[in-house]
């Protein structure tokens, strides 16, 4: 069951490389540099197995509905702290967009986190 009231979470987006379009900045260890952004989302903590963008099966633990104005991509991370102060953090595995009947306007984005 999806919780439909907004919950605060932190989205860690990869920072685009200004010199190489389509690439992202990395640190000295080869990890993506991440920029934190506070977002209001609907979260459902649920174990599931999905296929990622490469077709591999991945275990996920969270389903999230994002507002249509939030930009994110595969591999970005989401961190959520529940009312009991337990912290859940994982990478975005799947992205689905819900559009209006004509397919012109995005109404919401749904993702699984693993």
C-alpha atoms as a PDB file:
ATOM      1  CA  UNK A   1       0.000   0.000   0.000  1.00  0.00           C
ATOM      2  CA  UNK A   2       1.480   3.342  -1.095  1.00  0.00           C
ATOM      3  CA  UNK A   3       1.484   6.181   1.435  1.00  0.00           C
ATOM      4  CA  UNK A   4      -0.062   9.169  -0.325  1.00  0.00           C
ATOM      5  CA  UNK A   5       0.980  11.966   1.984  1.00  0.00           C
ATOM      6  CA  UNK A   6       4.260  13.718   1.204  1.00  0.00           C
ATOM      7  CA  UNK A   7       7.278  12.525   3.099  1.00  0.00           C
ATOM      8  CA  UNK A   8      10.623  14.292   3.147  1.00  0.00           C
ATOM      9  CA  UNK A   9      13.559  12.470   1.603  1.00  0.00           C
ATOM     10  CA  UNK A  10      16.968  13.434   0.242  1.00  0.00           C
ATOM     11  CA  UNK A  11      17.720  12.764  -3.419  1.00  0.00           C
ATOM     12  CA  UNK A  12      21.428  12.539  -4.270  1.00  0.00           C
ATOM     13  CA  UNK A  13      21.758  13.395  -7.970  1.00  0.00           C
ATOM     14  CA  UNK A  14      24.906  12.861 -10.009  1.00  0.00           C
ATOM     15  CA  UNK A  15      26.541  16.155 -11.027  1.00  0.00           C
ATOM     16  CA  UNK A  16      26.817  16.579 -14.837  1.00  0.00           C
ATOM     17  CA  UNK A  17      30.299  17.206 -16.244  1.00  0.00           C
ATOM     18  CA  UNK A  18      30.263  20.679 -17.874  1.00  0.00           C
ATOM     19  CA  UNK A  19      33.104  19.688 -20.241  1.00  0.00           C
ATOM     20  CA  UNK A  20      31.610  16.354 -21.423  1.00  0.00           C
ATOM     21  CA  UNK A  21      27.847  16.406 -22.098  1.00  0.00           C
ATOM     22  CA  UNK A  22      26.196  13.122 -21.109  1.00  0.00           C
ATOM     23  CA  UNK A  23      28.931  12.328 -18.555  1.00  0.00           C
ATOM     24  CA  UNK A  24      29.055  12.928 -14.803  1.00  0.00           C
ATOM     25  CA  UNK A  25      31.791  14.195 -12.483  1.00  0.00           C
ATOM     26  CA  UNK A  26      33.690  11.582 -10.446  1.00  0.00           C
ATOM     27  CA  UNK A  27      35.920  11.866  -7.397  1.00  0.00           C
ATOM     28  CA  UNK A  28      39.516  10.614  -7.074  1.00  0.00           C
ATOM     29  CA  UNK A  29      38.243   7.087  -6.331  1.00  0.00           C
ATOM     30  CA  UNK A  30      35.998   6.832  -9.414  1.00  0.00           C
ATOM     31  CA  UNK A  31      32.726   7.376  -7.523  1.00  0.00           C
ATOM     32  CA  UNK A  32      30.132   9.807  -8.856  1.00  0.00           C
ATOM     33  CA  UNK A  33      29.995  13.199  -7.159  1.00  0.00           C
ATOM     34  CA  UNK A  34      26.507  13.637  -5.726  1.00  0.00           C
ATOM     35  CA  UNK A  35      24.442  16.748  -5.031  1.00  0.00           C
ATOM     36  CA  UNK A  36      21.800  16.425  -2.239  1.00  0.00           C
ATOM     37  CA  UNK A  37      18.300  17.813  -2.860  1.00  0.00           C
ATOM     38  CA  UNK A  38      15.354  17.707  -0.439  1.00  0.00           C
ATOM     39  CA  UNK A  39      12.178  16.328  -2.063  1.00  0.00           C
ATOM     40  CA  UNK A  40       8.653  15.423  -0.953  1.00  0.00           C
ATOM     41  CA  UNK A  41       7.716  11.936  -2.157  1.00  0.00           C
ATOM     42  CA  UNK A  42       5.300   9.094  -1.435  1.00  0.00           C
ATOM     43  CA  UNK A  43       7.204   6.063  -0.110  1.00  0.00           C
ATOM     44  CA  UNK A  44       6.288   2.414   0.322  1.00  0.00           C
ATOM     45  CA  UNK A  45       8.806   0.090   1.985  1.00  0.00           C
ATOM     46  CA  UNK A  46       8.393  -3.222   0.175  1.00  0.00           C
ATOM     47  CA  UNK A  47      10.729  -6.065  -0.809  1.00  0.00           C
ATOM     48  CA  UNK A  48      10.610  -6.859  -4.514  1.00  0.00           C
ATOM     49  CA  UNK A  49      12.734  -8.284  -7.334  1.00  0.00           C
ATOM     50  CA  UNK A  50      12.852  -6.239 -10.560  1.00  0.00           C
ATOM     51  CA  UNK A  51      14.926  -6.068 -13.718  1.00  0.00           C
ATOM     52  CA  UNK A  52      17.269  -3.087 -13.972  1.00  0.00           C
ATOM     53  CA  UNK A  53      18.102  -1.124 -17.142  1.00  0.00           C
ATOM     54  CA  UNK A  54      20.656  -3.795 -18.142  1.00  0.00           C
ATOM     55  CA  UNK A  55      18.162  -6.664 -17.692  1.00  0.00           C
ATOM     56  CA  UNK A  56      19.691  -8.122 -14.523  1.00  0.00           C
ATOM     57  CA  UNK A  57      17.463  -9.116 -11.599  1.00  0.00           C
ATOM     58  CA  UNK A  58      17.918  -6.826  -8.595  1.00  0.00           C
ATOM     59  CA  UNK A  59      16.372  -6.934  -5.122  1.00  0.00           C
ATOM     60  CA  UNK A  60      14.670  -3.671  -4.125  1.00  0.00           C
ATOM     61  CA  UNK A  61      13.290  -2.485  -0.791  1.00  0.00           C
ATOM     62  CA  UNK A  62      11.466   0.772  -1.527  1.00  0.00           C
ATOM     63  CA  UNK A  63       8.920   2.076  -4.058  1.00  0.00           C
ATOM     64  CA  UNK A  64       8.724   5.844  -4.510  1.00  0.00           C
ATOM     65  CA  UNK A  65       6.369   8.247  -6.317  1.00  0.00           C
ATOM     66  CA  UNK A  66       8.177  11.451  -7.295  1.00  0.00           C
ATOM     67  CA  UNK A  67       6.492  14.717  -8.314  1.00  0.00           C
ATOM     68  CA  UNK A  68       6.695  15.478 -12.070  1.00  0.00           C
ATOM     69  CA  UNK A  69       9.091  18.428 -11.627  1.00  0.00           C
ATOM     70  CA  UNK A  70      11.889  16.395  -9.990  1.00  0.00           C
ATOM     71  CA  UNK A  71      14.679  15.361 -12.370  1.00  0.00           C
ATOM     72  CA  UNK A  72      16.692  12.228 -11.604  1.00  0.00           C
ATOM     73  CA  UNK A  73      18.347   9.330 -13.405  1.00  0.00           C
ATOM     74  CA  UNK A  74      19.329   5.698 -12.970  1.00  0.00           C
ATOM     75  CA  UNK A  75      22.026   5.320 -10.314  1.00  0.00           C
ATOM     76  CA  UNK A  76      21.040   8.436  -8.368  1.00  0.00           C
ATOM     77  CA  UNK A  77      20.441   7.705  -4.685  1.00  0.00           C
ATOM     78  CA  UNK A  78      17.541   8.342  -2.318  1.00  0.00           C
ATOM     79  CA  UNK A  79      17.760   8.528   1.471  1.00  0.00           C
ATOM     80  CA  UNK A  80      14.701   8.344   3.712  1.00  0.00           C
ATOM     81  CA  UNK A  81      14.426   8.490   7.498  1.00  0.00           C
ATOM     82  CA  UNK A  82      11.266   6.894   8.909  1.00  0.00           C
ATOM     83  CA  UNK A  83       9.434   8.089  12.069  1.00  0.00           C
ATOM     84  CA  UNK A  84      11.542   5.651  14.156  1.00  0.00           C
ATOM     85  CA  UNK A  85      14.784   7.301  12.879  1.00  0.00           C
ATOM     86  CA  UNK A  86      15.768   4.269  10.779  1.00  0.00           C
ATOM     87  CA  UNK A  87      17.620   5.404   7.670  1.00  0.00           C
ATOM     88  CA  UNK A  88      17.009   3.739   4.291  1.00  0.00           C
ATOM     89  CA  UNK A  89      19.334   4.581   1.400  1.00  0.00           C
ATOM     90  CA  UNK A  90      19.664   3.006  -2.012  1.00  0.00           C
ATOM     91  CA  UNK A  91      20.112   3.574  -5.738  1.00  0.00           C
ATOM     92  CA  UNK A  92      17.352   4.185  -8.245  1.00  0.00           C
ATOM     93  CA  UNK A  93      16.919   0.944 -10.188  1.00  0.00           C
ATOM     94  CA  UNK A  94      13.796   1.530 -12.318  1.00  0.00           C
ATOM     95  CA  UNK A  95      11.970   4.631 -13.564  1.00  0.00           C
ATOM     96  CA  UNK A  96       8.397   4.728 -14.882  1.00  0.00           C
ATOM     97  CA  UNK A  97       6.570   7.886 -15.967  1.00  0.00           C
ATOM     98  CA  UNK A  98       2.816   8.372 -15.670  1.00  0.00           C
ATOM     99  CA  UNK A  99       1.576  10.741 -18.376  1.00  0.00           C
ATOM    100  CA  UNK A 100      -1.740  12.343 -19.301  1.00  0.00           C
ATOM    101  CA  UNK A 101      -3.903  10.448 -21.836  1.00  0.00           C
ATOM    102  CA  UNK A 102      -2.217  12.230 -24.764  1.00  0.00           C
ATOM    103  CA  UNK A 103       1.256  11.444 -23.456  1.00  0.00           C
ATOM    104  CA  UNK A 104       2.359  15.080 -23.529  1.00  0.00           C
ATOM    105  CA  UNK A 105       2.620  15.924 -19.841  1.00  0.00           C
ATOM    106  CA  UNK A 106       4.268  13.875 -17.098  1.00  0.00           C
ATOM    107  CA  UNK A 107       1.963  13.560 -14.068  1.00  0.00           C
ATOM    108  CA  UNK A 108       4.333  11.642 -11.787  1.00  0.00           C
ATOM    109  CA  UNK A 109       7.402   9.398 -11.823  1.00  0.00           C
ATOM    110  CA  UNK A 110       7.539   6.040 -10.081  1.00  0.00           C
ATOM    111  CA  UNK A 111      10.825   4.345  -9.134  1.00  0.00           C
ATOM    112  CA  UNK A 112      12.101   1.361  -7.231  1.00  0.00           C
ATOM    113  CA  UNK A 113      15.106   1.722  -4.946  1.00  0.00           C
ATOM    114  CA  UNK A 114      17.577  -1.051  -4.208  1.00  0.00           C
END
